[in-house]
PDB file of all heavy atoms in Angstrom:
ATOM      1  N   VAL A   1      -9.367   5.187   2.879  1.00  0.00           N
ATOM      2  CA  VAL A   1      -9.438   6.159   3.972  1.00  0.00           C
ATOM      3  C   VAL A   1      -9.243   7.572   3.433  1.00  0.00           C
ATOM      4  O   VAL A   1      -9.973   8.519   3.814  1.00  0.00           O
ATOM      5  CB  VAL A   1      -8.384   5.844   5.044  1.00  0.00           C
ATOM      6  CG1 VAL A   1      -8.333   6.936   6.103  1.00  0.00           C
ATOM      7  CG2 VAL A   1      -8.672   4.485   5.674  1.00  0.00           C
ATOM      8  N   LEU A   2      -8.275   7.759   2.552  1.00  0.00           N
ATOM      9  CA  LEU A   2      -8.003   9.074   1.976  1.00  0.00           C
ATOM     10  C   LEU A   2      -9.231   9.607   1.229  1.00  0.00           C
ATOM     11  O   LEU A   2      -9.576  10.787   1.349  1.00  0.00           O
ATOM     12  CB  LEU A   2      -6.799   8.993   1.023  1.00  0.00           C
ATOM     13  CG  LEU A   2      -6.423  10.251   0.251  1.00  0.00           C
ATOM     14  CD1 LEU A   2      -6.074  11.380   1.224  1.00  0.00           C
ATOM     15  CD2 LEU A   2      -5.259   9.975  -0.685  1.00  0.00           C
ATOM     16  N   ALA A   3      -9.878   8.732   0.455  1.00  0.00           N
ATOM     17  CA  ALA A   3     -11.062   9.166  -0.311  1.00  0.00           C
ATOM     18  C   ALA A   3     -12.197   9.577   0.618  1.00  0.00           C
ATOM     19  O   ALA A   3     -12.889  10.572   0.357  1.00  0.00           O
ATOM     20  CB  ALA A   3     -11.513   8.032  -1.249  1.00  0.00           C
ATOM     21  N   ARG A   4     -12.376   8.824   1.713  1.00  0.00           N
ATOM     22  CA  ARG A   4     -13.441   9.171   2.652  1.00  0.00           C
ATOM     23  C   ARG A   4     -13.174  10.518   3.324  1.00  0.00           C
ATOM     24  O   ARG A   4     -14.067  11.348   3.475  1.00  0.00           O
ATOM     25  CB  ARG A   4     -13.566   8.081   3.712  1.00  0.00           C
ATOM     26  CG  ARG A   4     -13.881   6.698   3.189  1.00  0.00           C
ATOM     27  CD  ARG A   4     -15.249   6.591   2.571  1.00  0.00           C
ATOM     28  NE  ARG A   4     -16.313   6.750   3.551  1.00  0.00           N
ATOM     29  CZ  ARG A   4     -17.595   6.666   3.283  1.00  0.00           C
ATOM     30  NH1 ARG A   4     -17.985   6.474   2.037  1.00  0.00           N
ATOM     31  NH2 ARG A   4     -18.514   6.810   4.238  1.00  0.00           N
ATOM     32  N   ILE A   5     -11.923  10.719   3.749  1.00  0.00           N
ATOM     33  CA  ILE A   5     -11.574  11.988   4.392  1.00  0.00           C
ATOM     34  C   ILE A   5     -11.735  13.143   3.411  1.00  0.00           C
ATOM     35  O   ILE A   5     -12.262  14.227   3.751  1.00  0.00           O
ATOM     36  CB  ILE A   5     -10.134  11.935   4.937  1.00  0.00           C
ATOM     37  CG1 ILE A   5     -10.018  10.892   6.055  1.00  0.00           C
ATOM     38  CG2 ILE A   5      -9.694  13.305   5.437  1.00  0.00           C
ATOM     39  CD1 ILE A   5      -8.620  10.677   6.552  1.00  0.00           C
ATOM     40  N   GLU A   6     -11.299  12.927   2.177  1.00  0.00           N
ATOM     41  CA  GLU A   6     -11.408  13.986   1.164  1.00  0.00           C
ATOM     42  C   GLU A   6     -12.867  14.366   0.905  1.00  0.00           C
ATOM     43  O   GLU A   6     -13.211  15.554   0.783  1.00  0.00           O
ATOM     44  CB  GLU A   6     -10.750  13.509  -0.132  1.00  0.00           C
ATOM     45  CG  GLU A   6     -10.739  14.582  -1.220  1.00  0.00           C
ATOM     46  CD  GLU A   6     -10.252  14.063  -2.557  1.00  0.00           C
ATOM     47  OE1 GLU A   6      -9.948  12.844  -2.652  1.00  0.00           O
ATOM     48  OE2 GLU A   6     -10.205  14.862  -3.515  1.00  0.00           O
ATOM     49  N   LYS A   7     -13.758  13.370   0.843  1.00  0.00           N
ATOM     50  CA  LYS A   7     -15.171  13.669   0.608  1.00  0.00           C
ATOM     51  C   LYS A   7     -15.765  14.482   1.754  1.00  0.00           C
ATOM     52  O   LYS A   7     -16.535  15.419   1.532  1.00  0.00           O
ATOM     53  CB  LYS A   7     -15.947  12.355   0.451  1.00  0.00           C
ATOM     54  CG  LYS A   7     -15.677  11.633  -0.868  1.00  0.00           C
ATOM     55  CD  LYS A   7     -16.454  10.322  -0.943  1.00  0.00           C
ATOM     56  CE  LYS A   7     -16.184   9.590  -2.243  1.00  0.00           C
ATOM     57  NZ  LYS A   7     -16.912   8.296  -2.317  1.00  0.00           N
ATOM     58  N   VAL A   8     -15.417  14.113   2.984  1.00  0.00           N
ATOM     59  CA  VAL A   8     -15.921  14.867   4.137  1.00  0.00           C
ATOM     60  C   VAL A   8     -15.428  16.299   4.093  1.00  0.00           C
ATOM     61  O   VAL A   8     -16.200  17.257   4.293  1.00  0.00           O
ATOM     62  CB  VAL A   8     -15.479  14.180   5.457  1.00  0.00           C
ATOM     63  CG1 VAL A   8     -15.802  15.089   6.643  1.00  0.00           C
ATOM     64  CG2 VAL A   8     -16.146  12.830   5.606  1.00  0.00           C
ATOM     65  N   LEU A   9     -14.140  16.493   3.820  1.00  0.00           N
ATOM     66  CA  LEU A   9     -13.596  17.839   3.768  1.00  0.00           C
ATOM     67  C   LEU A   9     -14.198  18.657   2.640  1.00  0.00           C
ATOM     68  O   LEU A   9     -14.431  19.862   2.781  1.00  0.00           O
ATOM     69  CB  LEU A   9     -12.070  17.771   3.603  1.00  0.00           C
ATOM     70  CG  LEU A   9     -11.292  17.230   4.815  1.00  0.00           C
ATOM     71  CD1 LEU A   9      -9.824  17.099   4.481  1.00  0.00           C
ATOM     72  CD2 LEU A   9     -11.484  18.162   6.031  1.00  0.00           C
ATOM     73  N   ASN A  10     -14.459  18.033   1.516  1.00  0.00           N
ATOM     74  CA  ASN A  10     -15.072  18.747   0.388  1.00  0.00           C
ATOM     75  C   ASN A  10     -16.461  19.250   0.726  1.00  0.00           C
ATOM     76  O   ASN A  10     -16.922  20.263   0.172  1.00  0.00           O
ATOM     77  CB  ASN A  10     -15.142  17.837  -0.839  1.00  0.00           C
ATOM     78  CG  ASN A  10     -13.867  17.849  -1.656  1.00  0.00           C
ATOM     79  OD1 ASN A  10     -13.235  18.898  -1.798  1.00  0.00           O
ATOM     80  ND2 ASN A  10     -13.477  16.705  -2.186  1.00  0.00           N
ATOM     81  N   ARG A  11     -17.141  18.559   1.644  1.00  0.00           N
ATOM     82  CA  ARG A  11     -18.482  18.982   2.043  1.00  0.00           C
ATOM     83  C   ARG A  11     -18.452  20.144   3.030  1.00  0.00           C
ATOM     84  O   ARG A  11     -19.353  20.986   3.023  1.00  0.00           O
ATOM     85  CB  ARG A  11     -19.254  17.800   2.647  1.00  0.00           C
ATOM     86  CG  ARG A  11     -19.708  16.770   1.641  1.00  0.00           C
ATOM     87  CD  ARG A  11     -20.800  15.892   2.211  1.00  0.00           C
ATOM     88  NE  ARG A  11     -20.372  15.151   3.398  1.00  0.00           N
ATOM     89  CZ  ARG A  11     -19.898  13.924   3.367  1.00  0.00           C
ATOM     90  NH1 ARG A  11     -19.780  13.296   2.209  1.00  0.00           N
ATOM     91  NH2 ARG A  11     -19.517  13.322   4.486  1.00  0.00           N
ATOM     92  N   VAL A  12     -17.429  20.209   3.868  1.00  0.00           N
ATOM     93  CA  VAL A  12     -17.444  21.197   4.962  1.00  0.00           C
ATOM     94  C   VAL A  12     -16.531  22.396   4.711  1.00  0.00           C
ATOM     95  O   VAL A  12     -16.717  23.454   5.327  1.00  0.00           O
ATOM     96  CB  VAL A  12     -17.068  20.527   6.304  1.00  0.00           C
ATOM     97  CG1 VAL A  12     -18.056  19.430   6.641  1.00  0.00           C
ATOM     98  CG2 VAL A  12     -15.649  19.977   6.267  1.00  0.00           C
ATOM     99  N   VAL A  13     -15.548  22.248   3.839  1.00  0.00           N
ATOM    100  CA  VAL A  13     -14.598  23.347   3.609  1.00  0.00           C
ATOM    101  C   VAL A  13     -15.156  24.282   2.544  1.00  0.00           C
ATOM    102  O   VAL A  13     -15.592  23.831   1.491  1.00  0.00           O
ATOM    103  CB  VAL A  13     -13.229  22.776   3.166  1.00  0.00           C
ATOM    104  CG1 VAL A  13     -12.279  23.908   2.809  1.00  0.00           C
ATOM    105  CG2 VAL A  13     -12.628  21.923   4.273  1.00  0.00           C
ATOM    106  N   PRO A  14     -15.132  25.587   2.780  1.00  0.00           N
ATOM    107  CA  PRO A  14     -15.599  26.558   1.777  1.00  0.00           C
ATOM    108  C   PRO A  14     -14.831  26.443   0.468  1.00  0.00           C
ATOM    109  O   PRO A  14     -13.616  26.153   0.476  1.00  0.00           O
ATOM    110  CB  PRO A  14     -15.364  27.912   2.451  1.00  0.00           C
ATOM    111  CG  PRO A  14     -15.337  27.605   3.903  1.00  0.00           C
ATOM    112  CD  PRO A  14     -14.742  26.244   4.035  1.00  0.00           C
ATOM    113  N   ASP A  15     -15.501  26.689  -0.636  1.00  0.00           N
ATOM    114  CA  ASP A  15     -14.876  26.562  -1.963  1.00  0.00           C
ATOM    115  C   ASP A  15     -13.625  27.437  -2.083  1.00  0.00           C
ATOM    116  O   ASP A  15     -12.664  27.054  -2.774  1.00  0.00           O
ATOM    117  CB  ASP A  15     -15.870  26.932  -3.054  1.00  0.00           C
ATOM    118  CG  ASP A  15     -17.014  25.925  -3.167  1.00  0.00           C
ATOM    119  OD1 ASP A  15     -16.829  24.793  -2.654  1.00  0.00           O
ATOM    120  OD2 ASP A  15     -18.053  26.251  -3.760  1.00  0.00           O
ATOM    121  N   ALA A  16     -13.627  28.580  -1.471  1.00  0.00           N
ATOM    122  CA  ALA A  16     -12.521  29.520  -1.632  1.00  0.00           C
ATOM    123  C   ALA A  16     -11.202  28.989  -1.129  1.00  0.00           C
ATOM    124  O   ALA A  16     -10.127  29.394  -1.614  1.00  0.00           O
ATOM    125  CB  ALA A  16     -12.853  30.847  -0.923  1.00  0.00           C
ATOM    126  N   ILE A  17     -11.218  28.072  -0.163  1.00  0.00           N
ATOM    127  CA  ILE A  17      -9.955  27.586   0.405  1.00  0.00           C
ATOM    128  C   ILE A  17      -9.794  26.062   0.248  1.00  0.00           C
ATOM    129  O   ILE A  17      -8.907  25.483   0.879  1.00  0.00           O
ATOM    130  CB  ILE A  17      -9.847  27.963   1.884  1.00  0.00           C
ATOM    131  CG1 ILE A  17     -11.033  27.389   2.699  1.00  0.00           C
ATOM    132  CG2 ILE A  17      -9.775  29.463   2.055  1.00  0.00           C
ATOM    133  CD1 ILE A  17     -10.888  27.574   4.196  1.00  0.00           C
ATOM    134  N   LYS A  18     -10.649  25.453  -0.577  1.00  0.00           N
ATOM    135  CA  LYS A  18     -10.558  23.991  -0.726  1.00  0.00           C
ATOM    136  C   LYS A  18      -9.196  23.555  -1.223  1.00  0.00           C
ATOM    137  O   LYS A  18      -8.627  22.573  -0.739  1.00  0.00           O
ATOM    138  CB  LYS A  18     -11.640  23.507  -1.692  1.00  0.00           C
ATOM    139  CG  LYS A  18     -12.987  23.244  -1.047  1.00  0.00           C
ATOM    140  CD  LYS A  18     -13.969  22.648  -2.039  1.00  0.00           C
ATOM    141  CE  LYS A  18     -15.304  22.349  -1.322  1.00  0.00           C
ATOM    142  NZ  LYS A  18     -16.304  21.784  -2.261  1.00  0.00           N
ATOM    143  N   LEU A  19      -8.645  24.289  -2.197  1.00  0.00           N
ATOM    144  CA  LEU A  19      -7.353  23.902  -2.760  1.00  0.00           C
ATOM    145  C   LEU A  19      -6.254  23.913  -1.718  1.00  0.00           C
ATOM    146  O   LEU A  19      -5.311  23.122  -1.767  1.00  0.00           O
ATOM    147  CB  LEU A  19      -6.998  24.840  -3.923  1.00  0.00           C
ATOM    148  CG  LEU A  19      -5.726  24.511  -4.696  1.00  0.00           C
ATOM    149  CD1 LEU A  19      -5.831  23.140  -5.358  1.00  0.00           C
ATOM    150  CD2 LEU A  19      -5.449  25.579  -5.743  1.00  0.00           C
ATOM    151  N   LEU A  20      -6.387  24.825  -0.730  1.00  0.00           N
ATOM    152  CA  LEU A  20      -5.354  24.959   0.284  1.00  0.00           C
ATOM    153  C   LEU A  20      -5.553  24.033   1.477  1.00  0.00           C
ATOM    154  O   LEU A  20      -4.622  23.833   2.261  1.00  0.00           O
ATOM    155  CB  LEU A  20      -5.328  26.421   0.796  1.00  0.00           C
ATOM    156  CG  LEU A  20      -5.047  27.511  -0.247  1.00  0.00           C
ATOM    157  CD1 LEU A  20      -5.157  28.884   0.386  1.00  0.00           C
ATOM    158  CD2 LEU A  20      -3.679  27.295  -0.874  1.00  0.00           C
ATOM    159  N   VAL A  21      -6.765  23.491   1.618  1.00  0.00           N
ATOM    160  CA  VAL A  21      -7.079  22.714   2.811  1.00  0.00           C
ATOM    161  C   VAL A  21      -7.302  21.230   2.534  1.00  0.00           C
ATOM    162  O   VAL A  21      -6.706  20.371   3.206  1.00  0.00           O
ATOM    163  CB  VAL A  21      -8.323  23.308   3.517  1.00  0.00           C
ATOM    164  CG1 VAL A  21      -8.748  22.420   4.695  1.00  0.00           C
ATOM    165  CG2 VAL A  21      -8.053  24.717   3.982  1.00  0.00           C
ATOM    166  N   VAL A  22      -8.161  20.902   1.553  1.00  0.00           N
ATOM    167  CA  VAL A  22      -8.621  19.520   1.379  1.00  0.00           C
ATOM    168  C   VAL A  22      -7.482  18.554   1.125  1.00  0.00           C
ATOM    169  O   VAL A  22      -7.300  17.570   1.859  1.00  0.00           O
ATOM    170  CB  VAL A  22      -9.671  19.441   0.236  1.00  0.00           C
ATOM    171  CG1 VAL A  22     -10.046  17.977  -0.010  1.00  0.00           C
ATOM    172  CG2 VAL A  22     -10.912  20.241   0.591  1.00  0.00           C
ATOM    173  N   GLY A  23      -6.685  18.819   0.107  1.00  0.00           N
ATOM    174  CA  GLY A  23      -5.614  17.906  -0.246  1.00  0.00           C
ATOM    175  C   GLY A  23      -4.574  17.745   0.848  1.00  0.00           C
ATOM    176  O   GLY A  23      -4.276  16.627   1.283  1.00  0.00           O
ATOM    177  N   PRO A  24      -4.015  18.865   1.345  1.00  0.00           N
ATOM    178  CA  PRO A  24      -2.981  18.738   2.396  1.00  0.00           C
ATOM    179  C   PRO A  24      -3.467  18.054   3.661  1.00  0.00           C
ATOM    180  O   PRO A  24      -2.788  17.186   4.204  1.00  0.00           O
ATOM    181  CB  PRO A  24      -2.604  20.199   2.673  1.00  0.00           C
ATOM    182  CG  PRO A  24      -2.926  20.930   1.410  1.00  0.00           C
ATOM    183  CD  PRO A  24      -4.139  20.253   0.861  1.00  0.00           C
ATOM    184  N   VAL A  25      -4.666  18.449   4.120  1.00  0.00           N
ATOM    185  CA  VAL A  25      -5.175  17.853   5.371  1.00  0.00           C
ATOM    186  C   VAL A  25      -5.493  16.365   5.177  1.00  0.00           C
ATOM    187  O   VAL A  25      -5.122  15.539   6.033  1.00  0.00           O
ATOM    188  CB  VAL A  25      -6.423  18.618   5.855  1.00  0.00           C
ATOM    189  CG1 VAL A  25      -7.051  17.898   7.056  1.00  0.00           C
ATOM    190  CG2 VAL A  25      -6.059  20.046   6.236  1.00  0.00           C
ATOM    191  N   ALA A  26      -6.166  16.048   4.076  1.00  0.00           N
ATOM    192  CA  ALA A  26      -6.527  14.643   3.831  1.00  0.00           C
ATOM    193  C   ALA A  26      -5.289  13.762   3.718  1.00  0.00           C
ATOM    194  O   ALA A  26      -5.216  12.671   4.296  1.00  0.00           O
ATOM    195  CB  ALA A  26      -7.382  14.535   2.575  1.00  0.00           C
ATOM    196  N   LEU A  27      -4.288  14.250   2.979  1.00  0.00           N
ATOM    197  CA  LEU A  27      -3.080  13.455   2.785  1.00  0.00           C
ATOM    198  C   LEU A  27      -2.279  13.357   4.065  1.00  0.00           C
ATOM    199  O   LEU A  27      -1.689  12.300   4.360  1.00  0.00           O
ATOM    200  CB  LEU A  27      -2.240  14.094   1.680  1.00  0.00           C
ATOM    201  CG  LEU A  27      -1.145  13.222   1.062  1.00  0.00           C
ATOM    202  CD1 LEU A  27      -1.707  11.947   0.462  1.00  0.00           C
ATOM    203  CD2 LEU A  27      -0.383  13.991  -0.002  1.00  0.00           C
ATOM    204  N   LEU A  28      -2.244  14.412   4.857  1.00  0.00           N
ATOM    205  CA  LEU A  28      -1.488  14.402   6.104  1.00  0.00           C
ATOM    206  C   LEU A  28      -2.093  13.405   7.098  1.00  0.00           C
ATOM    207  O   LEU A  28      -1.375  12.581   7.694  1.00  0.00           O
ATOM    208  CB  LEU A  28      -1.467  15.801   6.717  1.00  0.00           C
ATOM    209  CG  LEU A  28      -0.534  16.016   7.908  1.00  0.00           C
ATOM    210  CD1 LEU A  28       0.907  15.785   7.512  1.00  0.00           C
ATOM    211  CD2 LEU A  28      -0.730  17.402   8.502  1.00  0.00           C
ATOM    212  N   ILE A  29      -3.420  13.449   7.262  1.00  0.00           N
ATOM    213  CA  ILE A  29      -4.080  12.533   8.184  1.00  0.00           C
ATOM    214  C   ILE A  29      -3.906  11.089   7.719  1.00  0.00           C
ATOM    215  O   ILE A  29      -3.558  10.198   8.521  1.00  0.00           O
ATOM    216  CB  ILE A  29      -5.581  12.876   8.299  1.00  0.00           C
ATOM    217  CG1 ILE A  29      -5.779  14.259   8.931  1.00  0.00           C
ATOM    218  CG2 ILE A  29      -6.312  11.805   9.117  1.00  0.00           C
ATOM    219  CD1 ILE A  29      -7.214  14.726   8.953  1.00  0.00           C
ATOM    220  N   THR A  30      -4.116  10.863   6.428  1.00  0.00           N
ATOM    221  CA  THR A  30      -3.994   9.502   5.894  1.00  0.00           C
ATOM    222  C   THR A  30      -2.559   8.999   6.020  1.00  0.00           C
ATOM    223  O   THR A  30      -2.327   7.822   6.317  1.00  0.00           O
ATOM    224  CB  THR A  30      -4.439   9.457   4.436  1.00  0.00           C
ATOM    225  OG1 THR A  30      -5.757   9.974   4.310  1.00  0.00           O
ATOM    226  CG2 THR A  30      -4.439   8.020   3.922  1.00  0.00           C
ATOM    227  N   GLY A  31      -1.595   9.885   5.786  1.00  0.00           N
ATOM    228  CA  GLY A  31      -0.197   9.479   5.899  1.00  0.00           C
ATOM    229  C   GLY A  31       0.157   9.012   7.307  1.00  0.00           C
ATOM    230  O   GLY A  31       0.812   7.969   7.477  1.00  0.00           O
ATOM    231  N   PHE A  32      -0.282   9.773   8.308  1.00  0.00           N
ATOM    232  CA  PHE A  32      -0.034   9.358   9.687  1.00  0.00           C
ATOM    233  C   PHE A  32      -0.699   8.023   9.986  1.00  0.00           C
ATOM    234  O   PHE A  32      -0.092   7.113  10.573  1.00  0.00           O
ATOM    235  CB  PHE A  32      -0.538  10.429  10.663  1.00  0.00           C
ATOM    236  CG  PHE A  32       0.456  11.516  10.935  1.00  0.00           C
ATOM    237  CD1 PHE A  32       0.407  12.715  10.244  1.00  0.00           C
ATOM    238  CD2 PHE A  32       1.448  11.317  11.862  1.00  0.00           C
ATOM    239  CE1 PHE A  32       1.337  13.718  10.505  1.00  0.00           C
ATOM    240  CE2 PHE A  32       2.386  12.308  12.137  1.00  0.00           C
ATOM    241  CZ  PHE A  32       2.326  13.519  11.432  1.00  0.00           C
ATOM    242  N   LEU A  33      -1.967   7.886   9.559  1.00  0.00           N
ATOM    243  CA  LEU A  33      -2.683   6.621   9.793  1.00  0.00           C
ATOM    244  C   LEU A  33      -2.027   5.462   9.051  1.00  0.00           C
ATOM    245  O   LEU A  33      -1.985   4.332   9.548  1.00  0.00           O
ATOM    246  CB  LEU A  33      -4.141   6.770   9.366  1.00  0.00           C
ATOM    247  CG  LEU A  33      -5.019   7.688  10.226  1.00  0.00           C
ATOM    248  CD1 LEU A  33      -6.416   7.823   9.599  1.00  0.00           C
ATOM    249  CD2 LEU A  33      -5.133   7.161  11.650  1.00  0.00           C
ATOM    250  N   ALA A  34      -1.517   5.741   7.866  1.00  0.00           N
ATOM    251  CA  ALA A  34      -0.895   4.689   7.062  1.00  0.00           C
ATOM    252  C   ALA A  34       0.328   4.111   7.760  1.00  0.00           C
ATOM    253  O   ALA A  34       0.508   2.888   7.807  1.00  0.00           O
ATOM    254  CB  ALA A  34      -0.527   5.220   5.679  1.00  0.00           C
ATOM    255  N   PHE A  35       1.183   4.973   8.282  1.00  0.00           N
ATOM    256  CA  PHE A  35       2.394   4.493   8.945  1.00  0.00           C
ATOM    257  C   PHE A  35       2.113   3.946  10.342  1.00  0.00           C
ATOM    258  O   PHE A  35       2.808   3.041  10.800  1.00  0.00           O
ATOM    259  CB  PHE A  35       3.431   5.614   9.022  1.00  0.00           C
ATOM    260  CG  PHE A  35       4.042   5.968   7.699  1.00  0.00           C
ATOM    261  CD1 PHE A  35       3.833   7.219   7.140  1.00  0.00           C
ATOM    262  CD2 PHE A  35       4.799   5.044   7.002  1.00  0.00           C
ATOM    263  CE1 PHE A  35       4.391   7.549   5.907  1.00  0.00           C
ATOM    264  CE2 PHE A  35       5.378   5.365   5.773  1.00  0.00           C
ATOM    265  CZ  PHE A  35       5.154   6.622   5.214  1.00  0.00           C
ATOM    266  N   LEU A  36       1.101   4.494  10.998  1.00  0.00           N
ATOM    267  CA  LEU A  36       0.815   4.103  12.369  1.00  0.00           C
ATOM    268  C   LEU A  36      -0.011   2.830  12.466  1.00  0.00           C
ATOM    269  O   LEU A  36       0.293   1.928  13.260  1.00  0.00           O
ATOM    270  CB  LEU A  36       0.084   5.250  13.078  1.00  0.00           C
ATOM    271  CG  LEU A  36      -0.252   5.030  14.576  1.00  0.00           C
ATOM    272  CD1 LEU A  36       1.020   4.875  15.370  1.00  0.00           C
ATOM    273  CD2 LEU A  36      -1.092   6.194  15.101  1.00  0.00           C
ATOM    274  N   VAL A  37      -1.075   2.713  11.647  1.00  0.00           N
ATOM    275  CA  VAL A  37      -2.022   1.611  11.785  1.00  0.00           C
ATOM    276  C   VAL A  37      -2.186   0.804  10.486  1.00  0.00           C
ATOM    277  O   VAL A  37      -2.021  -0.422  10.479  1.00  0.00           O
ATOM    278  CB  VAL A  37      -3.410   2.155  12.232  1.00  0.00           C
ATOM    279  CG1 VAL A  37      -4.399   1.001  12.380  1.00  0.00           C
ATOM    280  CG2 VAL A  37      -3.302   2.925  13.516  1.00  0.00           C
ATOM    281  N   ILE A  38      -2.535   1.505   9.415  1.00  0.00           N
ATOM    282  CA  ILE A  38      -2.931   0.808   8.186  1.00  0.00           C
ATOM    283  C   ILE A  38      -1.801  -0.037   7.623  1.00  0.00           C
ATOM    284  O   ILE A  38      -1.988  -1.213   7.294  1.00  0.00           O
ATOM    285  CB  ILE A  38      -3.403   1.823   7.133  1.00  0.00           C
ATOM    286  CG1 ILE A  38      -4.640   2.580   7.637  1.00  0.00           C
ATOM    287  CG2 ILE A  38      -3.716   1.121   5.816  1.00  0.00           C
ATOM    288  CD1 ILE A  38      -5.067   3.727   6.721  1.00  0.00           C
ATOM    289  N   GLY A  39      -0.621   0.578   7.500  1.00  0.00           N
ATOM    290  CA  GLY A  39       0.510  -0.154   6.919  1.00  0.00           C
ATOM    291  C   GLY A  39       0.861  -1.419   7.682  1.00  0.00           C
ATOM    292  O   GLY A  39       0.909  -2.509   7.090  1.00  0.00           O
ATOM    293  N   PRO A  40       1.114  -1.337   9.002  1.00  0.00           N
ATOM    294  CA  PRO A  40       1.450  -2.565   9.738  1.00  0.00           C
ATOM    295  C   PRO A  40       0.354  -3.633   9.698  1.00  0.00           C
ATOM    296  O   PRO A  40       0.637  -4.822   9.540  1.00  0.00           O
ATOM    297  CB  PRO A  40       1.641  -2.043  11.168  1.00  0.00           C
ATOM    298  CG  PRO A  40       2.051  -0.614  11.006  1.00  0.00           C
ATOM    299  CD  PRO A  40       1.290  -0.118   9.824  1.00  0.00           C
ATOM    300  N   ALA A  41      -0.930  -3.187   9.811  1.00  0.00           N
ATOM    301  CA  ALA A  41      -2.022  -4.156   9.778  1.00  0.00           C
ATOM    302  C   ALA A  41      -2.136  -4.805   8.403  1.00  0.00           C
ATOM    303  O   ALA A  41      -2.280  -6.036   8.278  1.00  0.00           O
ATOM    304  CB  ALA A  41      -3.348  -3.467  10.141  1.00  0.00           C
ATOM    305  N   ALA A  42      -2.053  -3.986   7.339  1.00  0.00           N
ATOM    306  CA  ALA A  42      -2.149  -4.532   5.975  1.00  0.00           C
ATOM    307  C   ALA A  42      -0.960  -5.420   5.661  1.00  0.00           C
ATOM    308  O   ALA A  42      -1.101  -6.445   4.970  1.00  0.00           O
ATOM    309  CB  ALA A  42      -2.260  -3.386   4.963  1.00  0.00           C
ATOM    310  N   LEU A  43       0.219  -5.035   6.166  1.00  0.00           N
ATOM    311  CA  LEU A  43       1.395  -5.867   5.939  1.00  0.00           C
ATOM    312  C   LEU A  43       1.252  -7.214   6.613  1.00  0.00           C
ATOM    313  O   LEU A  43       1.634  -8.245   6.051  1.00  0.00           O
ATOM    314  CB  LEU A  43       2.643  -5.144   6.485  1.00  0.00           C
ATOM    315  CG  LEU A  43       3.978  -5.847   6.275  1.00  0.00           C
ATOM    316  CD1 LEU A  43       4.271  -6.006   4.783  1.00  0.00           C
ATOM    317  CD2 LEU A  43       5.099  -5.062   6.936  1.00  0.00           C
ATOM    318  N   TRP A  44       0.648  -7.212   7.791  1.00  0.00           N
ATOM    319  CA  TRP A  44       0.395  -8.465   8.503  1.00  0.00           C
ATOM    320  C   TRP A  44      -0.555  -9.350   7.699  1.00  0.00           C
ATOM    321  O   TRP A  44      -0.338 -10.557   7.559  1.00  0.00           O
ATOM    322  CB  TRP A  44      -0.168  -8.162   9.873  1.00  0.00           C
ATOM    323  CG  TRP A  44      -0.459  -9.384  10.711  1.00  0.00           C
ATOM    324  CD1 TRP A  44       0.440 -10.118  11.424  1.00  0.00           C
ATOM    325  CD2 TRP A  44      -1.725 -10.016  10.893  1.00  0.00           C
ATOM    326  NE1 TRP A  44      -0.184 -11.189  12.036  1.00  0.00           N
ATOM    327  CE2 TRP A  44      -1.521 -11.137  11.735  1.00  0.00           C
ATOM    328  CE3 TRP A  44      -2.998  -9.750  10.432  1.00  0.00           C
ATOM    329  CZ2 TRP A  44      -2.565 -11.986  12.106  1.00  0.00           C
ATOM    330  CZ3 TRP A  44      -4.052 -10.584  10.794  1.00  0.00           C
ATOM    331  CH2 TRP A  44      -3.833 -11.686  11.635  1.00  0.00           C
ATOM    332  N   ILE A  45      -1.634  -8.760   7.188  1.00  0.00           N
ATOM    333  CA  ILE A  45      -2.599  -9.520   6.379  1.00  0.00           C
ATOM    334  C   ILE A  45      -1.936 -10.040   5.090  1.00  0.00           C
ATOM    335  O   ILE A  45      -2.077 -11.211   4.736  1.00  0.00           O
ATOM    336  CB  ILE A  45      -3.817  -8.649   6.024  1.00  0.00           C
ATOM    337  CG1 ILE A  45      -4.576  -8.250   7.297  1.00  0.00           C
ATOM    338  CG2 ILE A  45      -4.748  -9.392   5.073  1.00  0.00           C
ATOM    339  CD1 ILE A  45      -5.659  -7.236   7.052  1.00  0.00           C
TER     340      ILE A  45
END
């Protein structure tokens, strides 16, 4: 999920602010999803 989000952001975010936007946003979204959905579902599997 993190890789997919990062690729999307790399395509739409201007080069000048990629360092400030891509990593933090991708990791923040993935982190929330990991604790909310991915982690419990994967733990169950």
